[in-house]
Amino acid sequence: MKVNDHMLQFASAQKIQNKNLTEDPEKLMEACKEFEAIFLNMMLQQMRKTITEDGFVEKSYGREIYESMQDEEISKEMARGQGIGLAKQLYQQLSRNIKTSAE
């Protein structure tokens, strides 16, 4: 059975959606960082697909799982740090939208 990364990402998106983000700016920033992590994970997976198989390490199900887990952790660490700026931009836009809708 193949692990479906999209189902894991959907579960993460559901967690983000269930949070009440309008009351706490820290929760909003956390959700934005989680979104950036999901985006980075998808980007890393697509980048990995461009690597040619040279036969050094045999492609296997175990390797696929390991690489998937590695990509996920790398993307989380990237988002926790500076990231690529997506979380910051998203936070600024959403906080602006929340302020205008509250008025």
PDB file of N, CA and C in Angstrom:
ATOM      1  N   MET A   1       0.843  -1.179   0.000  1.00  0.00           N
ATOM      2  CA  MET A   1       0.000   0.000   0.000  1.00  0.00           C
ATOM      3  C   MET A   1       0.889   1.243   0.000  1.00  0.00           C
ATOM      4  N   LYS A   2       0.631   2.143  -0.899  1.00  0.00           N
ATOM      5  CA  LYS A   2       1.436   3.347  -1.022  1.00  0.00           C
ATOM      6  C   LYS A   2       0.887   4.443  -0.113  1.00  0.00           C
ATOM      7  N   VAL A   3       1.784   5.128   0.574  1.00  0.00           N
ATOM      8  CA  VAL A   3       1.393   6.230   1.445  1.00  0.00           C
ATOM      9  C   VAL A   3       0.994   7.399   0.557  1.00  0.00           C
ATOM     10  N   ASN A   4      -0.176   7.929   0.794  1.00  0.00           N
ATOM     11  CA  ASN A   4      -0.666   9.035  -0.013  1.00  0.00           C
ATOM     12  C   ASN A   4      -0.353  10.341   0.708  1.00  0.00           C
ATOM     13  N   ASP A   5       0.639  11.076   0.206  1.00  0.00           N
ATOM     14  CA  ASP A   5       1.047  12.332   0.822  1.00  0.00           C
ATOM     15  C   ASP A   5      -0.066  13.369   0.794  1.00  0.00           C
ATOM     16  N   HIS A   6      -0.908  13.308  -0.227  1.00  0.00           N
ATOM     17  CA  HIS A   6      -1.986  14.291  -0.328  1.00  0.00           C
ATOM     18  C   HIS A   6      -2.991  14.133   0.808  1.00  0.00           C
ATOM     19  N   MET A   7      -3.203  12.899   1.260  1.00  0.00           N
ATOM     20  CA  MET A   7      -4.106  12.681   2.394  1.00  0.00           C
ATOM     21  C   MET A   7      -3.511  13.265   3.673  1.00  0.00           C
ATOM     22  N   LEU A   8      -2.197  13.129   3.847  1.00  0.00           N
ATOM     23  CA  LEU A   8      -1.535  13.712   5.011  1.00  0.00           C
ATOM     24  C   LEU A   8      -1.610  15.233   4.962  1.00  0.00           C
ATOM     25  N   GLN A   9      -1.434  15.797   3.780  1.00  0.00           N
ATOM     26  CA  GLN A   9      -1.513  17.242   3.630  1.00  0.00           C
ATOM     27  C   GLN A   9      -2.942  17.730   3.859  1.00  0.00           C
ATOM     28  N   PHE A  10      -3.925  16.940   3.421  1.00  0.00           N
ATOM     29  CA  PHE A  10      -5.321  17.296   3.647  1.00  0.00           C
ATOM     30  C   PHE A  10      -5.621  17.311   5.141  1.00  0.00           C
ATOM     31  N   ALA A  11      -5.092  16.334   5.871  1.00  0.00           N
ATOM     32  CA  ALA A  11      -5.295  16.281   7.323  1.00  0.00           C
ATOM     33  C   ALA A  11      -4.677  17.505   7.985  1.00  0.00           C
ATOM     34  N   SER A  12      -3.506  17.931   7.516  1.00  0.00           N
ATOM     35  CA  SER A  12      -2.873  19.134   8.056  1.00  0.00           C
ATOM     36  C   SER A  12      -3.715  20.365   7.749  1.00  0.00           C
ATOM     37  N   ALA A  13      -4.264  20.420   6.551  1.00  0.00           N
ATOM     38  CA  ALA A  13      -5.110  21.549   6.173  1.00  0.00           C
ATOM     39  C   ALA A  13      -6.373  21.590   7.028  1.00  0.00           C
ATOM     40  N   GLN A  14      -6.921  20.432   7.350  1.00  0.00           N
ATOM     41  CA  GLN A  14      -8.102  20.374   8.210  1.00  0.00           C
ATOM     42  C   GLN A  14      -7.778  20.919   9.597  1.00  0.00           C
ATOM     43  N   LYS A  15      -6.587  20.586  10.124  1.00  0.00           N
ATOM     44  CA  LYS A  15      -6.182  21.111  11.425  1.00  0.00           C
ATOM     45  C   LYS A  15      -6.114  22.629  11.382  1.00  0.00           C
ATOM     46  N   ILE A  16      -5.552  23.158  10.308  1.00  0.00           N
ATOM     47  CA  ILE A  16      -5.438  24.604  10.162  1.00  0.00           C
ATOM     48  C   ILE A  16      -6.822  25.230  10.089  1.00  0.00           C
ATOM     49  N   GLN A  17      -7.718  24.617   9.344  1.00  0.00           N
ATOM     50  CA  GLN A  17      -9.053  25.153   9.139  1.00  0.00           C
ATOM     51  C   GLN A  17      -9.865  25.172  10.430  1.00  0.00           C
ATOM     52  N   ASN A  18      -9.650  24.191  11.304  1.00  0.00           N
ATOM     53  CA  ASN A  18     -10.425  24.086  12.530  1.00  0.00           C
ATOM     54  C   ASN A  18     -10.000  25.077  13.605  1.00  0.00           C
ATOM     55  N   LYS A  19      -8.873  25.745  13.436  1.00  0.00           N
ATOM     56  CA  LYS A  19      -8.399  26.693  14.441  1.00  0.00           C
ATOM     57  C   LYS A  19      -9.168  28.004  14.300  1.00  0.00           C
ATOM     58  N   ASN A  20      -9.474  28.619  15.439  1.00  0.00           N
ATOM     59  CA  ASN A  20     -10.099  29.935  15.417  1.00  0.00           C
ATOM     60  C   ASN A  20      -8.986  30.965  15.330  1.00  0.00           C
ATOM     61  N   LEU A  21      -8.703  31.428  14.144  1.00  0.00           N
ATOM     62  CA  LEU A  21      -7.533  32.256  13.906  1.00  0.00           C
ATOM     63  C   LEU A  21      -7.796  33.747  14.062  1.00  0.00           C
ATOM     64  N   THR A  22      -9.046  34.134  14.150  1.00  0.00           N
ATOM     65  CA  THR A  22      -9.348  35.559  14.198  1.00  0.00           C
ATOM     66  C   THR A  22      -9.055  36.167  15.560  1.00  0.00           C
ATOM     67  N   GLU A  23      -9.010  35.363  16.608  1.00  0.00           N
ATOM     68  CA  GLU A  23      -8.821  35.901  17.952  1.00  0.00           C
ATOM     69  C   GLU A  23      -7.361  36.029  18.354  1.00  0.00           C
ATOM     70  N   ASP A  24      -6.491  35.219  17.816  1.00  0.00           N
ATOM     71  CA  ASP A  24      -5.110  35.178  18.277  1.00  0.00           C
ATOM     72  C   ASP A  24      -4.141  35.281  17.102  1.00  0.00           C
ATOM     73  N   PRO A  25      -3.386  36.379  17.035  1.00  0.00           N
ATOM     74  CA  PRO A  25      -2.426  36.538  15.934  1.00  0.00           C
ATOM     75  C   PRO A  25      -1.351  35.447  15.913  1.00  0.00           C
ATOM     76  N   GLU A  26      -0.989  34.918  17.080  1.00  0.00           N
ATOM     77  CA  GLU A  26       0.021  33.855  17.135  1.00  0.00           C
ATOM     78  C   GLU A  26      -0.494  32.581  16.463  1.00  0.00           C
ATOM     79  N   LYS A  27      -1.783  32.292  16.654  1.00  0.00           N
ATOM     80  CA  LYS A  27      -2.375  31.119  16.002  1.00  0.00           C
ATOM     81  C   LYS A  27      -2.415  31.310  14.491  1.00  0.00           C
ATOM     82  N   LEU A  28      -2.691  32.539  14.067  1.00  0.00           N
ATOM     83  CA  LEU A  28      -2.706  32.831  12.636  1.00  0.00           C
ATOM     84  C   LEU A  28      -1.320  32.629  12.037  1.00  0.00           C
ATOM     85  N   MET A  29      -0.291  33.125  12.724  1.00  0.00           N
ATOM     86  CA  MET A  29       1.073  32.953  12.223  1.00  0.00           C
ATOM     87  C   MET A  29       1.458  31.478  12.201  1.00  0.00           C
ATOM     88  N   GLU A  30       1.044  30.726  13.213  1.00  0.00           N
ATOM     89  CA  GLU A  30       1.318  29.286  13.249  1.00  0.00           C
ATOM     90  C   GLU A  30       0.666  28.583  12.056  1.00  0.00           C
ATOM     91  N   ALA A  31      -0.572  28.963  11.761  1.00  0.00           N
ATOM     92  CA  ALA A  31      -1.274  28.371  10.618  1.00  0.00           C
ATOM     93  C   ALA A  31      -0.578  28.734   9.305  1.00  0.00           C
ATOM     94  N   CYS A  32      -0.099  29.967   9.202  1.00  0.00           N
ATOM     95  CA  CYS A  32       0.617  30.393   7.996  1.00  0.00           C
ATOM     96  C   CYS A  32       1.916  29.607   7.831  1.00  0.00           C
ATOM     97  N   LYS A  33       2.607  29.354   8.942  1.00  0.00           N
ATOM     98  CA  LYS A  33       3.845  28.562   8.876  1.00  0.00           C
ATOM     99  C   LYS A  33       3.541  27.113   8.502  1.00  0.00           C
ATOM    100  N   GLU A  34       2.429  26.576   9.004  1.00  0.00           N
ATOM    101  CA  GLU A  34       2.032  25.217   8.629  1.00  0.00           C
ATOM    102  C   GLU A  34       1.719  25.145   7.135  1.00  0.00           C
ATOM    103  N   PHE A  35       1.060  26.177   6.625  1.00  0.00           N
ATOM    104  CA  PHE A  35       0.769  26.228   5.192  1.00  0.00           C
ATOM    105  C   PHE A  35       2.062  26.284   4.382  1.00  0.00           C
ATOM    106  N   GLU A  36       3.000  27.110   4.837  1.00  0.00           N
ATOM    107  CA  GLU A  36       4.285  27.205   4.144  1.00  0.00           C
ATOM    108  C   GLU A  36       5.010  25.860   4.170  1.00  0.00           C
ATOM    109  N   ALA A  37       4.923  25.146   5.287  1.00  0.00           N
ATOM    110  CA  ALA A  37       5.556  23.825   5.387  1.00  0.00           C
ATOM    111  C   ALA A  37       4.945  22.852   4.384  1.00  0.00           C
ATOM    112  N   ILE A  38       3.629  22.891   4.231  1.00  0.00           N
ATOM    113  CA  ILE A  38       2.961  22.026   3.251  1.00  0.00           C
ATOM    114  C   ILE A  38       3.427  22.385   1.839  1.00  0.00           C
ATOM    115  N   PHE A  39       3.489  23.676   1.557  1.00  0.00           N
ATOM    116  CA  PHE A  39       3.945  24.136   0.240  1.00  0.00           C
ATOM    117  C   PHE A  39       5.381  23.693  -0.026  1.00  0.00           C
ATOM    118  N   LEU A  40       6.253  23.880   0.967  1.00  0.00           N
ATOM    119  CA  LEU A  40       7.653  23.490   0.810  1.00  0.00           C
ATOM    120  C   LEU A  40       7.797  21.983   0.631  1.00  0.00           C
ATOM    121  N   ASN A  41       6.981  21.215   1.347  1.00  0.00           N
ATOM    122  CA  ASN A  41       7.019  19.762   1.213  1.00  0.00           C
ATOM    123  C   ASN A  41       6.664  19.355  -0.216  1.00  0.00           C
ATOM    124  N   MET A  42       5.627  19.950  -0.762  1.00  0.00           N
ATOM    125  CA  MET A  42       5.237  19.636  -2.142  1.00  0.00           C
ATOM    126  C   MET A  42       6.343  20.035  -3.122  1.00  0.00           C
ATOM    127  N   MET A  43       6.976  21.176  -2.860  1.00  0.00           N
ATOM    128  CA  MET A  43       8.058  21.632  -3.719  1.00  0.00           C
ATOM    129  C   MET A  43       9.248  20.662  -3.657  1.00  0.00           C
ATOM    130  N   LEU A  44       9.612  20.217  -2.455  1.00  0.00           N
ATOM    131  CA  LEU A  44      10.717  19.266  -2.307  1.00  0.00           C
ATOM    132  C   LEU A  44      10.415  17.945  -3.005  1.00  0.00           C
ATOM    133  N   GLN A  45       9.171  17.493  -2.907  1.00  0.00           N
ATOM    134  CA  GLN A  45       8.791  16.244  -3.574  1.00  0.00           C
ATOM    135  C   GLN A  45       8.932  16.369  -5.088  1.00  0.00           C
ATOM    136  N   GLN A  46       8.508  17.495  -5.626  1.00  0.00           N
ATOM    137  CA  GLN A  46       8.626  17.708  -7.073  1.00  0.00           C
ATOM    138  C   GLN A  46      10.091  17.824  -7.490  1.00  0.00           C
ATOM    139  N   MET A  47      10.897  18.461  -6.658  1.00  0.00           N
ATOM    140  CA  MET A  47      12.324  18.569  -6.953  1.00  0.00           C
ATOM    141  C   MET A  47      12.975  17.187  -6.940  1.00  0.00           C
ATOM    142  N   ARG A  48      12.575  16.351  -5.991  1.00  0.00           N
ATOM    143  CA  ARG A  48      13.145  15.006  -5.883  1.00  0.00           C
ATOM    144  C   ARG A  48      12.822  14.178  -7.136  1.00  0.00           C
ATOM    145  N   LYS A  49      11.661  14.419  -7.736  1.00  0.00           N
ATOM    146  CA  LYS A  49      11.273  13.672  -8.939  1.00  0.00           C
ATOM    147  C   LYS A  49      12.193  13.960 -10.121  1.00  0.00           C
ATOM    148  N   THR A  50      12.886  15.093 -10.094  1.00  0.00           N
ATOM    149  CA  THR A  50      13.767  15.453 -11.207  1.00  0.00           C
ATOM    150  C   THR A  50      15.122  14.761 -11.129  1.00  0.00           C
ATOM    151  N   ILE A  51      15.425  14.130  -9.994  1.00  0.00           N
ATOM    152  CA  ILE A  51      16.713  13.457  -9.820  1.00  0.00           C
ATOM    153  C   ILE A  51      16.682  12.125 -10.558  1.00  0.00           C
ATOM    154  N   THR A  52      17.677  11.913 -11.390  1.00  0.00           N
ATOM    155  CA  THR A  52      17.741  10.651 -12.131  1.00  0.00           C
ATOM    156  C   THR A  52      18.251   9.539 -11.224  1.00  0.00           C
ATOM    157  N   GLU A  53      17.776   8.347 -11.493  1.00  0.00           N
ATOM    158  CA  GLU A  53      18.214   7.177 -10.732  1.00  0.00           C
ATOM    159  C   GLU A  53      19.536   6.693 -11.312  1.00  0.00           C
ATOM    160  N   ASP A  54      20.595   6.805 -10.539  1.00  0.00           N
ATOM    161  CA  ASP A  54      21.905   6.385 -11.027  1.00  0.00           C
ATOM    162  C   ASP A  54      22.271   4.974 -10.593  1.00  0.00           C
ATOM    163  N   GLY A  55      21.428   4.358  -9.805  1.00  0.00           N
ATOM    164  CA  GLY A  55      21.682   2.992  -9.390  1.00  0.00           C
ATOM    165  C   GLY A  55      22.548   2.868  -8.153  1.00  0.00           C
ATOM    166  N   PHE A  56      22.976   3.992  -7.580  1.00  0.00           N
ATOM    167  CA  PHE A  56      23.802   3.943  -6.376  1.00  0.00           C
ATOM    168  C   PHE A  56      23.036   3.316  -5.215  1.00  0.00           C
ATOM    169  N   VAL A  57      21.823   3.781  -5.016  1.00  0.00           N
ATOM    170  CA  VAL A  57      20.945   3.203  -3.996  1.00  0.00           C
ATOM    171  C   VAL A  57      19.686   2.730  -4.709  1.00  0.00           C
ATOM    172  N   GLU A  58      19.357   1.480  -4.523  1.00  0.00           N
ATOM    173  CA  GLU A  58      18.209   0.888  -5.206  1.00  0.00           C
ATOM    174  C   GLU A  58      16.904   1.529  -4.737  1.00  0.00           C
ATOM    175  N   LYS A  59      16.033   1.810  -5.690  1.00  0.00           N
ATOM    176  CA  LYS A  59      14.723   2.384  -5.376  1.00  0.00           C
ATOM    177  C   LYS A  59      13.857   1.308  -4.734  1.00  0.00           C
ATOM    178  N   SER A  60      13.294   1.614  -3.577  1.00  0.00           N
ATOM    179  CA  SER A  60      12.452   0.646  -2.876  1.00  0.00           C
ATOM    180  C   SER A  60      11.349   1.390  -2.136  1.00  0.00           C
ATOM    181  N   TYR A  61      10.389   0.632  -1.646  1.00  0.00           N
ATOM    182  CA  TYR A  61       9.287   1.214  -0.886  1.00  0.00           C
ATOM    183  C   TYR A  61       9.814   1.877   0.385  1.00  0.00           C
ATOM    184  N   GLY A  62      10.752   1.227   1.047  1.00  0.00           N
ATOM    185  CA  GLY A  62      11.350   1.785   2.257  1.00  0.00           C
ATOM    186  C   GLY A  62      12.047   3.105   1.988  1.00  0.00           C
ATOM    187  N   ARG A  63      12.732   3.186   0.863  1.00  0.00           N
ATOM    188  CA  ARG A  63      13.415   4.424   0.495  1.00  0.00           C
ATOM    189  C   ARG A  63      12.400   5.527   0.221  1.00  0.00           C
ATOM    190  N   GLU A  64      11.309   5.190  -0.449  1.00  0.00           N
ATOM    191  CA  GLU A  64      10.258   6.179  -0.724  1.00  0.00           C
ATOM    192  C   GLU A  64       9.692   6.747   0.573  1.00  0.00           C
ATOM    193  N   ILE A  65       9.437   5.869   1.532  1.00  0.00           N
ATOM    194  CA  ILE A  65       8.904   6.318   2.823  1.00  0.00           C
ATOM    195  C   ILE A  65       9.919   7.215   3.525  1.00  0.00           C
ATOM    196  N   TYR A  66      11.174   6.785   3.535  1.00  0.00           N
ATOM    197  CA  TYR A  66      12.232   7.565   4.180  1.00  0.00           C
ATOM    198  C   TYR A  66      12.342   8.951   3.544  1.00  0.00           C
ATOM    199  N   GLU A  67      12.373   9.012   2.218  1.00  0.00           N
ATOM    200  CA  GLU A  67      12.497  10.291   1.529  1.00  0.00           C
ATOM    201  C   GLU A  67      11.289  11.182   1.787  1.00  0.00           C
ATOM    202  N   SER A  68      10.113  10.580   1.836  1.00  0.00           N
ATOM    203  CA  SER A  68       8.900  11.338   2.113  1.00  0.00           C
ATOM    204  C   SER A  68       8.949  11.942   3.519  1.00  0.00           C
ATOM    205  N   MET A  69       9.363  11.133   4.486  1.00  0.00           N
ATOM    206  CA  MET A  69       9.479  11.620   5.864  1.00  0.00           C
ATOM    207  C   MET A  69      10.569  12.683   5.979  1.00  0.00           C
ATOM    208  N   GLN A  70      11.661  12.480   5.266  1.00  0.00           N
ATOM    209  CA  GLN A  70      12.756  13.444   5.286  1.00  0.00           C
ATOM    210  C   GLN A  70      12.297  14.782   4.697  1.00  0.00           C
ATOM    211  N   ASP A  71      11.619  14.737   3.566  1.00  0.00           N
ATOM    212  CA  ASP A  71      11.111  15.962   2.942  1.00  0.00           C
ATOM    213  C   ASP A  71      10.160  16.698   3.877  1.00  0.00           C
ATOM    214  N   GLU A  72       9.305  15.941   4.557  1.00  0.00           N
ATOM    215  CA  GLU A  72       8.346  16.555   5.474  1.00  0.00           C
ATOM    216  C   GLU A  72       9.060  17.268   6.620  1.00  0.00           C
ATOM    217  N   GLU A  73      10.046  16.627   7.207  1.00  0.00           N
ATOM    218  CA  GLU A  73      10.773  17.235   8.325  1.00  0.00           C
ATOM    219  C   GLU A  73      11.604  18.432   7.878  1.00  0.00           C
ATOM    220  N   ILE A  74      12.228  18.327   6.718  1.00  0.00           N
ATOM    221  CA  ILE A  74      13.006  19.455   6.195  1.00  0.00           C
ATOM    222  C   ILE A  74      12.095  20.651   5.951  1.00  0.00           C
ATOM    223  N   SER A  75      10.930  20.402   5.377  1.00  0.00           N
ATOM    224  CA  SER A  75      10.001  21.503   5.092  1.00  0.00           C
ATOM    225  C   SER A  75       9.489  22.142   6.379  1.00  0.00           C
ATOM    226  N   LYS A  76       9.242  21.345   7.409  1.00  0.00           N
ATOM    227  CA  LYS A  76       8.811  21.902   8.697  1.00  0.00           C
ATOM    228  C   LYS A  76       9.902  22.779   9.303  1.00  0.00           C
ATOM    229  N   GLU A  77      11.145  22.306   9.251  1.00  0.00           N
ATOM    230  CA  GLU A  77      12.262  23.081   9.797  1.00  0.00           C
ATOM    231  C   GLU A  77      12.466  24.375   9.014  1.00  0.00           C
ATOM    232  N   MET A  78      12.336  24.300   7.703  1.00  0.00           N
ATOM    233  CA  MET A  78      12.475  25.504   6.883  1.00  0.00           C
ATOM    234  C   MET A  78      11.402  26.521   7.245  1.00  0.00           C
ATOM    235  N   ALA A  79      10.170  26.065   7.415  1.00  0.00           N
ATOM    236  CA  ALA A  79       9.061  26.968   7.734  1.00  0.00           C
ATOM    237  C   ALA A  79       9.211  27.550   9.137  1.00  0.00           C
ATOM    238  N   ARG A  80       9.762  26.768  10.085  1.00  0.00           N
ATOM    239  CA  ARG A  80       9.974  27.274  11.447  1.00  0.00           C
ATOM    240  C   ARG A  80      11.002  28.396  11.469  1.00  0.00           C
ATOM    241  N   GLY A  81      11.974  28.315  10.579  1.00  0.00           N
ATOM    242  CA  GLY A  81      13.001  29.354  10.499  1.00  0.00           C
ATOM    243  C   GLY A  81      12.506  30.503   9.633  1.00  0.00           C
ATOM    244  N   GLN A  82      13.372  30.972   8.765  1.00  0.00           N
ATOM    245  CA  GLN A  82      13.008  32.072   7.868  1.00  0.00           C
ATOM    246  C   GLN A  82      12.078  31.627   6.752  1.00  0.00           C
ATOM    247  N   GLY A  83      12.182  30.360   6.371  1.00  0.00           N
ATOM    248  CA  GLY A  83      11.348  29.872   5.277  1.00  0.00           C
ATOM    249  C   GLY A  83      11.673  30.591   3.987  1.00  0.00           C
ATOM    250  N   ILE A  84      10.682  30.704   3.142  1.00  0.00           N
ATOM    251  CA  ILE A  84      10.857  31.428   1.878  1.00  0.00           C
ATOM    252  C   ILE A  84      10.057  32.729   1.883  1.00  0.00           C
ATOM    253  N   GLY A  85       9.503  33.071   3.036  1.00  0.00           N
ATOM    254  CA  GLY A  85       8.755  34.314   3.168  1.00  0.00           C
ATOM    255  C   GLY A  85       7.272  34.184   2.880  1.00  0.00           C
ATOM    256  N   LEU A  86       6.835  32.996   2.516  1.00  0.00           N
ATOM    257  CA  LEU A  86       5.428  32.787   2.190  1.00  0.00           C
ATOM    258  C   LEU A  86       4.540  32.980   3.419  1.00  0.00           C
ATOM    259  N   ALA A  87       4.958  32.449   4.561  1.00  0.00           N
ATOM    260  CA  ALA A  87       4.159  32.567   5.788  1.00  0.00           C
ATOM    261  C   ALA A  87       3.997  34.030   6.186  1.00  0.00           C
ATOM    262  N   LYS A  88       5.071  34.791   6.075  1.00  0.00           N
ATOM    263  CA  LYS A  88       5.026  36.210   6.439  1.00  0.00           C
ATOM    264  C   LYS A  88       4.060  36.978   5.540  1.00  0.00           C
ATOM    265  N   GLN A  89       4.154  36.742   4.237  1.00  0.00           N
ATOM    266  CA  GLN A  89       3.268  37.422   3.290  1.00  0.00           C
ATOM    267  C   GLN A  89       1.810  37.022   3.498  1.00  0.00           C
ATOM    268  N   LEU A  90       1.594  35.744   3.715  1.00  0.00           N
ATOM    269  CA  LEU A  90       0.247  35.237   3.949  1.00  0.00           C
ATOM    270  C   LEU A  90      -0.335  35.828   5.226  1.00  0.00           C
ATOM    271  N   TYR A  91       0.484  35.894   6.279  1.00  0.00           N
ATOM    272  CA  TYR A  91       0.050  36.464   7.557  1.00  0.00           C
ATOM    273  C   TYR A  91      -0.345  37.929   7.385  1.00  0.00           C
ATOM    274  N   GLN A  92       0.486  38.689   6.691  1.00  0.00           N
ATOM    275  CA  GLN A  92       0.179  40.108   6.482  1.00  0.00           C
ATOM    276  C   GLN A  92      -1.140  40.280   5.741  1.00  0.00           C
ATOM    277  N   GLN A  93      -1.344  39.492   4.705  1.00  0.00           N
ATOM    278  CA  GLN A  93      -2.573  39.594   3.920  1.00  0.00           C
ATOM    279  C   GLN A  93      -3.793  39.182   4.739  1.00  0.00           C
ATOM    280  N   LEU A  94      -3.698  38.052   5.425  1.00  0.00           N
ATOM    281  CA  LEU A  94      -4.847  37.561   6.193  1.00  0.00           C
ATOM    282  C   LEU A  94      -5.168  38.458   7.377  1.00  0.00           C
ATOM    283  N   SER A  95      -4.153  38.965   8.059  1.00  0.00           N
ATOM    284  CA  SER A  95      -4.424  39.840   9.201  1.00  0.00           C
ATOM    285  C   SER A  95      -5.065  41.143   8.731  1.00  0.00           C
ATOM    286  N   ARG A  96      -4.666  41.610   7.558  1.00  0.00           N
ATOM    287  CA  ARG A  96      -5.298  42.802   6.982  1.00  0.00           C
ATOM    288  C   ARG A  96      -6.768  42.517   6.663  1.00  0.00           C
ATOM    289  N   ASN A  97      -7.039  41.345   6.086  1.00  0.00           N
ATOM    290  CA  ASN A  97      -8.410  40.967   5.744  1.00  0.00           C
ATOM    291  C   ASN A  97      -9.267  40.797   6.987  1.00  0.00           C
ATOM    292  N   ILE A  98      -8.695  40.247   8.049  1.00  0.00           N
ATOM    293  CA  ILE A  98      -9.441  40.053   9.299  1.00  0.00           C
ATOM    294  C   ILE A  98      -9.802  41.400   9.907  1.00  0.00           C
ATOM    295  N   LYS A  99      -8.849  42.349   9.878  1.00  0.00           N
ATOM    296  CA  LYS A  99      -9.104  43.681  10.439  1.00  0.00           C
ATOM    297  C   LYS A  99     -10.216  44.392   9.677  1.00  0.00           C
ATOM    298  N   THR A 100     -10.196  44.319   8.347  1.00  0.00           N
ATOM    299  CA  THR A 100     -11.213  45.017   7.558  1.00  0.00           C
ATOM    300  C   THR A 100     -12.582  44.359   7.683  1.00  0.00           C
ATOM    301  N   SER A 101     -12.625  43.042   7.849  1.00  0.00           N
ATOM    302  CA  SER A 101     -13.919  42.374   7.996  1.00  0.00           C
ATOM    303  C   SER A 101     -14.502  42.586   9.388  1.00  0.00           C
ATOM    304  N   ALA A 102     -13.651  42.880  10.378  1.00  0.00           N
ATOM    305  CA  ALA A 102     -14.128  43.120  11.741  1.00  0.00           C
ATOM    306  C   ALA A 102     -14.720  44.515  11.881  1.00  0.00           C
ATOM    307  N   GLU A 103     -14.328  45.416  11.005  1.00  0.00           N
ATOM    308  CA  GLU A 103     -14.801  46.810  11.105  1.00  0.00           C
ATOM    309  C   GLU A 103     -16.167  46.991  10.542  1.00  0.00           C
TER     310      GLU A 103
END
